[in-house]
Amino acid sequence: MAEGRSNGEIARGLYVTEAAVNKHVSSILQKLDLRLDGQGHRRVLAVLAYLRA
C-alpha cells in the first residue's frame, strides 16, 4: 500500500488472491478507525499513520 500499489498488484506480488488482500486492507483501515467519509483517501491516511508510528 505504501508503494501506491493496487490490491491486484499486491496480490500478484504476494501470490495470494485479491480477496485476501481486500480482507487484510479492510482490517487495517478498520483498526486505524479510517472510515469512508469523503474526507481523504483512506489508503493514504493509513500509510501516513504507519509512518508517524
PDB file of N, CA and C in Angstrom:
ATOM      1  N   MET A   1       0.819  -1.187   0.000  1.00  0.00           N
ATOM      2  CA  MET A   1       0.000   0.000   0.000  1.00  0.00           C
ATOM      3  C   MET A   1       0.861   1.248   0.000  1.00  0.00           C
ATOM      4  N   ALA A   2       1.930   1.220   0.797  1.00  0.00           N
ATOM      5  CA  ALA A   2       2.790   2.400   0.916  1.00  0.00           C
ATOM      6  C   ALA A   2       3.482   2.729  -0.395  1.00  0.00           C
ATOM      7  N   GLU A   3       3.603   1.758  -1.272  1.00  0.00           N
ATOM      8  CA  GLU A   3       4.229   1.985  -2.577  1.00  0.00           C
ATOM      9  C   GLU A   3       3.207   2.404  -3.624  1.00  0.00           C
ATOM     10  N   GLY A   4       1.954   2.580  -3.228  1.00  0.00           N
ATOM     11  CA  GLY A   4       0.910   3.021  -4.148  1.00  0.00           C
ATOM     12  C   GLY A   4       0.360   1.914  -5.025  1.00  0.00           C
ATOM     13  N   ARG A   5       0.577   0.669  -4.644  1.00  0.00           N
ATOM     14  CA  ARG A   5       0.112  -0.459  -5.448  1.00  0.00           C
ATOM     15  C   ARG A   5      -1.374  -0.731  -5.208  1.00  0.00           C
ATOM     16  N   SER A   6      -2.033  -1.189  -6.248  1.00  0.00           N
ATOM     17  CA  SER A   6      -3.432  -1.577  -6.121  1.00  0.00           C
ATOM     18  C   SER A   6      -3.518  -2.921  -5.409  1.00  0.00           C
ATOM     19  N   ASN A   7      -4.713  -3.283  -4.981  1.00  0.00           N
ATOM     20  CA  ASN A   7      -4.889  -4.574  -4.326  1.00  0.00           C
ATOM     21  C   ASN A   7      -4.506  -5.718  -5.263  1.00  0.00           C
ATOM     22  N   GLY A   8      -4.811  -5.586  -6.534  1.00  0.00           N
ATOM     23  CA  GLY A   8      -4.454  -6.611  -7.514  1.00  0.00           C
ATOM     24  C   GLY A   8      -2.952  -6.777  -7.644  1.00  0.00           C
ATOM     25  N   GLU A   9      -2.237  -5.672  -7.667  1.00  0.00           N
ATOM     26  CA  GLU A   9      -0.774  -5.720  -7.757  1.00  0.00           C
ATOM     27  C   GLU A   9      -0.169  -6.340  -6.501  1.00  0.00           C
ATOM     28  N   ILE A  10      -0.711  -5.982  -5.355  1.00  0.00           N
ATOM     29  CA  ILE A  10      -0.229  -6.561  -4.098  1.00  0.00           C
ATOM     30  C   ILE A  10      -0.459  -8.068  -4.104  1.00  0.00           C
ATOM     31  N   ALA A  11      -1.647  -8.483  -4.529  1.00  0.00           N
ATOM     32  CA  ALA A  11      -1.993  -9.912  -4.556  1.00  0.00           C
ATOM     33  C   ALA A  11      -1.042 -10.689  -5.462  1.00  0.00           C
ATOM     34  N   ARG A  12      -0.782 -10.159  -6.634  1.00  0.00           N
ATOM     35  CA  ARG A  12       0.131 -10.840  -7.556  1.00  0.00           C
ATOM     36  C   ARG A  12       1.541 -10.927  -6.980  1.00  0.00           C
ATOM     37  N   GLY A  13       1.989  -9.879  -6.322  1.00  0.00           N
ATOM     38  CA  GLY A  13       3.322  -9.870  -5.744  1.00  0.00           C
ATOM     39  C   GLY A  13       3.488 -10.828  -4.571  1.00  0.00           C
ATOM     40  N   LEU A  14       2.399 -11.074  -3.861  1.00  0.00           N
ATOM     41  CA  LEU A  14       2.440 -11.964  -2.699  1.00  0.00           C
ATOM     42  C   LEU A  14       1.920 -13.365  -3.008  1.00  0.00           C
ATOM     43  N   TYR A  15       1.469 -13.572  -4.234  1.00  0.00           N
ATOM     44  CA  TYR A  15       0.916 -14.869  -4.659  1.00  0.00           C
ATOM     45  C   TYR A  15      -0.274 -15.277  -3.804  1.00  0.00           C
ATOM     46  N   VAL A  16      -1.171 -14.328  -3.559  1.00  0.00           N
ATOM     47  CA  VAL A  16      -2.416 -14.590  -2.854  1.00  0.00           C
ATOM     48  C   VAL A  16      -3.552 -14.039  -3.702  1.00  0.00           C
ATOM     49  N   THR A  17      -4.775 -14.311  -3.289  1.00  0.00           N
ATOM     50  CA  THR A  17      -5.912 -13.800  -4.043  1.00  0.00           C
ATOM     51  C   THR A  17      -6.139 -12.326  -3.724  1.00  0.00           C
ATOM     52  N   GLU A  18      -6.786 -11.656  -4.637  1.00  0.00           N
ATOM     53  CA  GLU A  18      -7.122 -10.256  -4.412  1.00  0.00           C
ATOM     54  C   GLU A  18      -8.113 -10.135  -3.253  1.00  0.00           C
ATOM     55  N   ALA A  19      -8.972 -11.137  -3.094  1.00  0.00           N
ATOM     56  CA  ALA A  19      -9.917 -11.142  -1.976  1.00  0.00           C
ATOM     57  C   ALA A  19      -9.186 -11.161  -0.638  1.00  0.00           C
ATOM     58  N   ALA A  20      -8.078 -11.907  -0.558  1.00  0.00           N
ATOM     59  CA  ALA A  20      -7.284 -11.941   0.678  1.00  0.00           C
ATOM     60  C   ALA A  20      -6.696 -10.572   0.971  1.00  0.00           C
ATOM     61  N   VAL A  21      -6.196  -9.914  -0.056  1.00  0.00           N
ATOM     62  CA  VAL A  21      -5.637  -8.572   0.131  1.00  0.00           C
ATOM     63  C   VAL A  21      -6.735  -7.610   0.566  1.00  0.00           C
ATOM     64  N   ASN A  22      -7.896  -7.682  -0.083  1.00  0.00           N
ATOM     65  CA  ASN A  22      -9.024  -6.820   0.293  1.00  0.00           C
ATOM     66  C   ASN A  22      -9.377  -6.999   1.771  1.00  0.00           C
ATOM     67  N   LYS A  23      -9.403  -8.241   2.221  1.00  0.00           N
ATOM     68  CA  LYS A  23      -9.738  -8.531   3.617  1.00  0.00           C
ATOM     69  C   LYS A  23      -8.720  -7.903   4.566  1.00  0.00           C
ATOM     70  N   HIS A  24      -7.446  -8.061   4.257  1.00  0.00           N
ATOM     71  CA  HIS A  24      -6.406  -7.519   5.132  1.00  0.00           C
ATOM     72  C   HIS A  24      -6.384  -5.990   5.109  1.00  0.00           C
ATOM     73  N   VAL A  25      -6.544  -5.402   3.941  1.00  0.00           N
ATOM     74  CA  VAL A  25      -6.568  -3.938   3.844  1.00  0.00           C
ATOM     75  C   VAL A  25      -7.760  -3.394   4.624  1.00  0.00           C
ATOM     76  N   SER A  26      -8.918  -4.026   4.480  1.00  0.00           N
ATOM     77  CA  SER A  26     -10.103  -3.587   5.226  1.00  0.00           C
ATOM     78  C   SER A  26      -9.871  -3.669   6.724  1.00  0.00           C
ATOM     79  N   SER A  27      -9.213  -4.730   7.165  1.00  0.00           N
ATOM     80  CA  SER A  27      -8.905  -4.900   8.579  1.00  0.00           C
ATOM     81  C   SER A  27      -7.977  -3.794   9.076  1.00  0.00           C
ATOM     82  N   ILE A  28      -6.965  -3.475   8.290  1.00  0.00           N
ATOM     83  CA  ILE A  28      -6.027  -2.407   8.654  1.00  0.00           C
ATOM     84  C   ILE A  28      -6.761  -1.075   8.775  1.00  0.00           C
ATOM     85  N   LEU A  29      -7.591  -0.766   7.779  1.00  0.00           N
ATOM     86  CA  LEU A  29      -8.311   0.509   7.785  1.00  0.00           C
ATOM     87  C   LEU A  29      -9.262   0.587   8.970  1.00  0.00           C
ATOM     88  N   GLN A  30      -9.898  -0.530   9.306  1.00  0.00           N
ATOM     89  CA  GLN A  30     -10.816  -0.570  10.436  1.00  0.00           C
ATOM     90  C   GLN A  30     -10.065  -0.369  11.754  1.00  0.00           C
ATOM     91  N   LYS A  31      -8.925  -1.024  11.906  1.00  0.00           N
ATOM     92  CA  LYS A  31      -8.142  -0.891  13.140  1.00  0.00           C
ATOM     93  C   LYS A  31      -7.603   0.529  13.316  1.00  0.00           C
ATOM     94  N   LEU A  32      -7.354   1.208  12.217  1.00  0.00           N
ATOM     95  CA  LEU A  32      -6.890   2.595  12.276  1.00  0.00           C
ATOM     96  C   LEU A  32      -8.054   3.576  12.372  1.00  0.00           C
ATOM     97  N   ASP A  33      -9.277   3.040  12.428  1.00  0.00           N
ATOM     98  CA  ASP A  33     -10.509   3.839  12.516  1.00  0.00           C
ATOM     99  C   ASP A  33     -10.618   4.827  11.361  1.00  0.00           C
ATOM    100  N   LEU A  34     -10.284   4.355  10.159  1.00  0.00           N
ATOM    101  CA  LEU A  34     -10.369   5.187   8.952  1.00  0.00           C
ATOM    102  C   LEU A  34     -11.626   4.786   8.179  1.00  0.00           C
ATOM    103  N   ARG A  35     -12.687   5.516   8.435  1.00  0.00           N
ATOM    104  CA  ARG A  35     -13.970   5.224   7.798  1.00  0.00           C
ATOM    105  C   ARG A  35     -14.080   5.954   6.466  1.00  0.00           C
ATOM    106  N   LEU A  36     -14.931   5.413   5.612  1.00  0.00           N
ATOM    107  CA  LEU A  36     -15.196   6.040   4.319  1.00  0.00           C
ATOM    108  C   LEU A  36     -16.126   7.220   4.563  1.00  0.00           C
ATOM    109  N   ASP A  37     -15.561   8.427   4.599  1.00  0.00           N
ATOM    110  CA  ASP A  37     -16.371   9.610   4.896  1.00  0.00           C
ATOM    111  C   ASP A  37     -16.135  10.749   3.906  1.00  0.00           C
ATOM    112  N   GLY A  38     -15.342  10.504   2.882  1.00  0.00           N
ATOM    113  CA  GLY A  38     -15.115  11.526   1.870  1.00  0.00           C
ATOM    114  C   GLY A  38     -14.117  12.594   2.271  1.00  0.00           C
ATOM    115  N   GLN A  39     -13.456  12.456   3.420  1.00  0.00           N
ATOM    116  CA  GLN A  39     -12.534  13.494   3.874  1.00  0.00           C
ATOM    117  C   GLN A  39     -11.076  13.115   3.668  1.00  0.00           C
ATOM    118  N   GLY A  40     -10.814  12.241   2.764  1.00  0.00           N
ATOM    119  CA  GLY A  40      -9.435  11.864   2.493  1.00  0.00           C
ATOM    120  C   GLY A  40      -9.375  10.453   1.955  1.00  0.00           C
ATOM    121  N   HIS A  41      -8.321  10.161   1.310  1.00  0.00           N
ATOM    122  CA  HIS A  41      -8.123   8.834   0.759  1.00  0.00           C
ATOM    123  C   HIS A  41      -7.625   7.924   1.869  1.00  0.00           C
ATOM    124  N   ARG A  42      -8.421   6.905   2.216  1.00  0.00           N
ATOM    125  CA  ARG A  42      -8.117   6.074   3.373  1.00  0.00           C
ATOM    126  C   ARG A  42      -6.792   5.347   3.258  1.00  0.00           C
ATOM    127  N   ARG A  43      -6.420   4.922   2.069  1.00  0.00           N
ATOM    128  CA  ARG A  43      -5.141   4.223   1.909  1.00  0.00           C
ATOM    129  C   ARG A  43      -3.972   5.154   2.195  1.00  0.00           C
ATOM    130  N   VAL A  44      -4.072   6.394   1.753  1.00  0.00           N
ATOM    131  CA  VAL A  44      -3.025   7.378   2.026  1.00  0.00           C
ATOM    132  C   VAL A  44      -2.979   7.681   3.517  1.00  0.00           C
ATOM    133  N   LEU A  45      -4.146   7.828   4.142  1.00  0.00           N
ATOM    134  CA  LEU A  45      -4.193   8.094   5.571  1.00  0.00           C
ATOM    135  C   LEU A  45      -3.608   6.934   6.368  1.00  0.00           C
ATOM    136  N   ALA A  46      -3.823   5.707   5.917  1.00  0.00           N
ATOM    137  CA  ALA A  46      -3.259   4.540   6.586  1.00  0.00           C
ATOM    138  C   ALA A  46      -1.738   4.561   6.510  1.00  0.00           C
ATOM    139  N   VAL A  47      -1.191   4.895   5.352  1.00  0.00           N
ATOM    140  CA  VAL A  47       0.261   4.955   5.199  1.00  0.00           C
ATOM    141  C   VAL A  47       0.827   6.073   6.071  1.00  0.00           C
ATOM    142  N   LEU A  48       0.157   7.204   6.120  1.00  0.00           N
ATOM    143  CA  LEU A  48       0.626   8.303   6.964  1.00  0.00           C
ATOM    144  C   LEU A  48       0.618   7.891   8.435  1.00  0.00           C
ATOM    145  N   ALA A  49      -0.414   7.181   8.865  1.00  0.00           N
ATOM    146  CA  ALA A  49      -0.476   6.708  10.254  1.00  0.00           C
ATOM    147  C   ALA A  49       0.685   5.759  10.529  1.00  0.00           C
ATOM    148  N   TYR A  50       1.011   4.904   9.578  1.00  0.00           N
ATOM    149  CA  TYR A  50       2.133   3.973   9.731  1.00  0.00           C
ATOM    150  C   TYR A  50       3.445   4.748   9.848  1.00  0.00           C
ATOM    151  N   LEU A  51       3.623   5.737   9.018  1.00  0.00           N
ATOM    152  CA  LEU A  51       4.873   6.487   9.026  1.00  0.00           C
ATOM    153  C   LEU A  51       5.043   7.303  10.306  1.00  0.00           C
ATOM    154  N   ARG A  52       3.940   7.739  10.897  1.00  0.00           N
ATOM    155  CA  ARG A  52       4.016   8.514  12.144  1.00  0.00           C
ATOM    156  C   ARG A  52       4.348   7.632  13.343  1.00  0.00           C
ATOM    157  N   ALA A  53       4.044   6.335  13.234  1.00  0.00           N
ATOM    158  CA  ALA A  53       4.263   5.415  14.384  1.00  0.00           C
ATOM    159  C   ALA A  53       5.717   5.101  14.579  1.00  0.00           C
TER     160      ALA A  53
END
